[in-house]
Amino acid sequence: MRTKRGAFTLLEVLISIALLSLVLMALYSSLTMLRSSNSQLFEHLKEGVKEKQIVETLFLDIAGSSGKIDIKRDEFSRFCIEESVNSLYNLSLAKICWIVSKNNKTLLRTEGNNYKLPIESEQRVAVDKVMDNIEIFQVYYNKESVLVALKQIGKEPISFMVQGISQPVKKKKKKRVKKKKPPKRKAPPPKREPPPTKDVK
């Protein structure tokens, strides 16, 4: 004959609640850890995609150049491409400069037509902030290849080479050949008239 079991005792209910709260706390902490790791992974992927876009843009700027490249290292480290077909603003031929400010270590990209640095207010130039905390930005141009080294503080360095960029041939100025003037002819000495002859009578 079965004996009917009564309801749970208060002690059993309290123990089950305590166990359930422990399980929920463990689940919540694991969920929080999962969220933070996902957000870190998302940020890392986002930075990786941005980094890839920056490198790709710089690569295409160089690959689309006509070879007219100017590199200066002064208060701004500059890498200027006088003519490139790679334009982010639908220009047929764009002048593009990649500039690093030594004060705040920011990498900037400028694009426009026939502008001079430093940029003046009346010039129509697009300026894009590309990257912060730049530790290294070096560009080397030798014969038909361009080598780029880029590094942010606390991150892995990036380097790549673009080949097949030939330097424009400098047109030699044709020397004008001066036509030699024919030597001046000396005027013939004046003809001396013979002295008058005296008639002898």
Protein backbone atom coordinates (compact mmCIF):
# COMPACT_ATOMS: atom_id res chain seq x y z
CA MET A 1 0.00 0.00 0.00
CA ARG A 2 1.45 3.35 -1.08
CA THR A 3 1.98 6.08 1.38
CA LYS A 4 1.14 9.53 0.15
CA ARG A 5 4.09 11.94 0.25
CA GLY A 6 3.26 15.34 1.57
CA ALA A 7 4.41 18.67 0.13
CA PHE A 8 8.03 19.84 0.16
CA THR A 9 9.24 21.04 3.47
CA LEU A 10 10.42 24.61 3.90
CA LEU A 11 13.99 23.41 4.29
CA GLU A 12 13.90 21.55 0.96
CA VAL A 13 12.48 24.61 -0.82
CA LEU A 14 15.22 26.84 0.62
CA ILE A 15 17.95 24.40 -0.40
CA SER A 16 16.59 24.13 -3.95
CA ILE A 17 16.39 27.95 -4.24
CA ALA A 18 20.00 28.26 -3.01
CA LEU A 19 21.19 25.66 -5.55
CA LEU A 20 19.24 27.31 -8.35
CA SER A 21 20.71 30.74 -7.49
CA LEU A 22 24.24 29.26 -7.60
CA VAL A 23 23.56 27.74 -11.03
CA LEU A 24 22.09 31.02 -12.31
CA MET A 25 25.07 32.99 -10.99
CA ALA A 26 27.47 30.63 -12.78
CA LEU A 27 25.45 30.94 -16.00
CA TYR A 28 25.35 34.74 -15.73
CA SER A 29 29.10 35.02 -15.15
CA SER A 30 29.82 32.73 -18.10
CA LEU A 31 27.42 34.76 -20.25
CA THR A 32 29.16 38.00 -19.22
CA MET A 33 32.54 36.50 -20.07
CA LEU A 34 31.19 35.35 -23.42
CA ARG A 35 29.81 38.82 -24.17
CA SER A 36 33.09 40.57 -23.29
CA SER A 37 35.13 38.11 -25.36
CA ASN A 38 32.71 38.56 -28.28
CA SER A 39 32.97 42.35 -28.05
CA GLN A 40 36.78 42.15 -27.91
CA LEU A 41 36.77 39.81 -30.90
CA PHE A 42 34.41 42.16 -32.76
CA GLU A 43 36.66 45.16 -32.01
CA HIS A 44 39.71 43.19 -33.09
CA LEU A 45 38.00 42.16 -36.34
CA LYS A 46 36.81 45.73 -36.90
CA GLU A 47 40.36 47.06 -36.44
CA GLY A 48 41.68 44.31 -38.71
CA VAL A 49 39.21 45.23 -41.45
CA LYS A 50 40.05 48.95 -41.07
CA GLU A 51 43.77 48.17 -41.16
CA LYS A 52 43.26 46.07 -44.29
CA GLN A 53 41.32 48.89 -45.97
CA ILE A 54 44.06 51.40 -45.14
CA VAL A 55 46.82 49.17 -46.52
CA GLU A 56 44.73 48.39 -49.61
CA THR A 57 44.09 52.10 -50.26
CA LEU A 58 47.78 52.95 -49.88
CA PHE A 59 48.73 50.05 -52.16
CA LEU A 60 46.26 51.15 -54.86
CA ASP A 61 47.41 54.78 -54.57
CA ILE A 62 50.98 53.68 -55.31
CA ALA A 63 50.03 51.11 -57.98
CA GLY A 64 47.95 53.73 -59.82
CA SER A 65 50.68 56.35 -59.82
CA SER A 66 52.55 57.61 -62.84
CA GLY A 67 55.85 57.37 -60.98
CA LYS A 68 55.98 61.00 -59.89
CA ILE A 69 56.61 60.41 -56.19
CA ASP A 70 57.97 62.83 -53.61
CA ILE A 71 59.20 61.78 -50.15
CA LYS A 72 60.08 64.32 -47.44
CA ARG A 73 60.96 63.92 -43.79
CA ASP A 74 60.52 67.20 -41.96
CA GLU A 75 58.10 68.23 -39.20
CA PHE A 76 55.57 66.21 -41.21
CA SER A 77 56.70 62.93 -42.69
CA ARG A 78 55.24 63.15 -46.21
CA PHE A 79 54.75 60.72 -49.03
CA CYS A 80 53.16 62.45 -52.03
CA ILE A 81 52.02 60.93 -55.30
CA GLU A 82 51.67 63.68 -57.88
CA GLU A 83 49.36 61.71 -60.19
CA SER A 84 47.34 58.61 -59.30
CA VAL A 85 44.27 57.08 -60.92
CA ASN A 86 43.14 55.68 -57.55
CA SER A 87 40.76 58.33 -56.28
CA LEU A 88 38.28 58.03 -53.44
CA TYR A 89 36.52 61.18 -54.68
CA ASN A 90 36.06 60.36 -58.39
CA LEU A 91 38.93 62.48 -59.70
CA SER A 92 40.43 61.42 -63.01
CA LEU A 93 43.96 62.11 -61.79
CA ALA A 94 44.48 62.92 -58.14
CA LYS A 95 47.40 64.23 -56.14
CA ILE A 96 47.53 62.13 -52.98
CA CYS A 97 49.68 62.74 -49.90
CA TRP A 98 50.07 60.52 -46.85
CA ILE A 99 51.21 62.68 -43.95
CA VAL A 100 52.24 61.88 -40.38
CA SER A 101 52.16 64.69 -37.86
CA LYS A 102 55.10 64.23 -35.50
CA ASN A 103 53.30 66.07 -32.68
CA ASN A 104 50.20 63.89 -32.32
CA LYS A 105 51.48 60.92 -34.42
CA THR A 106 48.38 60.85 -36.63
CA LEU A 107 48.39 59.50 -40.18
CA LEU A 108 46.37 61.61 -42.64
CA ARG A 109 45.50 61.13 -46.30
CA THR A 110 44.91 64.17 -48.48
CA GLU A 111 43.50 64.11 -52.00
CA GLY A 112 42.93 66.86 -54.51
CA ASN A 113 44.26 68.52 -57.66
CA ASN A 114 47.44 70.59 -57.90
CA TYR A 115 47.60 71.65 -54.26
CA LYS A 116 50.66 72.50 -52.20
CA LEU A 117 51.54 71.60 -48.64
CA PRO A 118 50.83 73.07 -46.17
CA ILE A 119 47.24 73.24 -47.35
CA GLU A 120 45.77 76.72 -47.63
CA SER A 121 42.15 77.55 -46.93
CA GLU A 122 41.20 78.30 -50.55
CA GLN A 123 42.46 74.96 -51.86
CA ARG A 124 39.87 72.24 -52.40
CA VAL A 125 41.40 69.19 -50.74
CA ALA A 126 39.84 66.21 -48.95
CA VAL A 127 41.63 65.32 -45.70
CA ASP A 128 40.91 61.96 -44.05
CA LYS A 129 42.21 60.91 -40.65
CA VAL A 130 43.45 57.38 -41.22
CA MET A 131 45.26 56.08 -38.14
CA ASP A 132 46.40 57.19 -34.67
CA ASN A 133 49.51 56.39 -32.61
CA ILE A 134 51.85 55.99 -35.55
CA GLU A 135 55.30 54.84 -34.50
CA ILE A 136 56.81 54.16 -37.95
CA PHE A 137 55.82 55.39 -41.40
CA GLN A 138 58.66 54.97 -43.88
CA VAL A 139 58.52 54.84 -47.66
CA TYR A 140 61.47 53.97 -49.90
CA TYR A 141 61.45 54.43 -53.68
CA ASN A 142 64.16 52.69 -55.69
CA LYS A 143 64.11 52.25 -59.46
CA GLU A 144 60.89 50.28 -60.06
CA SER A 145 59.75 49.38 -56.53
CA VAL A 146 58.21 51.18 -53.58
CA LEU A 147 58.64 49.72 -50.07
CA VAL A 148 56.28 50.83 -47.28
CA ALA A 149 56.76 50.15 -43.54
CA LEU A 150 53.94 51.12 -41.16
CA LYS A 151 53.57 50.47 -37.43
CA GLN A 152 51.20 51.63 -34.73
CA ILE A 153 52.35 51.81 -31.11
CA GLY A 154 51.83 48.42 -29.45
CA LYS A 155 50.85 46.63 -32.66
CA GLU A 156 52.51 44.41 -35.21
CA PRO A 157 54.33 46.22 -38.05
CA ILE A 158 52.93 46.14 -41.58
CA SER A 159 55.17 46.22 -44.62
CA PHE A 160 54.60 45.65 -48.31
CA MET A 161 56.23 46.34 -51.65
CA VAL A 162 54.75 47.59 -54.89
CA GLN A 163 56.76 46.76 -58.00
CA GLY A 164 56.59 48.03 -61.54
CA ILE A 165 56.46 51.73 -60.64
CA SER A 166 58.94 53.24 -63.05
CA GLN A 167 60.29 56.68 -62.41
CA PRO A 168 59.38 59.14 -65.14
CA VAL A 169 62.13 59.79 -67.62
CA LYS A 170 63.41 63.28 -67.31
CA LYS A 171 63.33 65.03 -70.61
CA LYS A 172 66.70 66.34 -71.52
CA LYS A 173 66.66 69.93 -72.50
CA LYS A 174 67.84 70.31 -76.02
CA LYS A 175 70.79 72.55 -76.15
CA ARG A 176 70.29 75.26 -78.61
CA VAL A 177 73.14 75.29 -81.01
CA LYS A 178 74.18 78.79 -81.61
CA LYS A 179 74.78 79.46 -85.22
CA LYS A 180 78.26 80.61 -85.68
CA LYS A 181 78.40 83.97 -87.28
CA PRO A 182 80.75 84.10 -90.19
CA PRO A 183 83.96 85.83 -89.20
CA LYS A 184 84.00 89.47 -89.94
CA ARG A 185 86.00 90.25 -92.99
CA LYS A 186 88.53 92.88 -92.54
CA ALA A 187 87.98 95.80 -94.72
CA PRO A 188 90.66 95.97 -97.35
CA PRO A 189 93.22 98.68 -96.70
CA PRO A 190 92.45 101.86 -98.54
CA LYS A 191 94.08 102.09 -101.94
CA ARG A 192 96.91 104.50 -101.99
CA GLU A 193 96.94 106.77 -104.87
CA PRO A 194 100.33 107.26 -106.41
CA PRO A 195 101.86 110.58 -105.69
CA PRO A 196 101.35 113.10 -108.41
CA THR A 197 104.21 113.23 -110.84
CA LYS A 198 105.96 116.53 -111.50
CA ASP A 199 106.42 117.63 -115.03
CA VAL A 200 110.07 118.39 -115.74
CA LYS A 201 110.51 121.19 -118.16
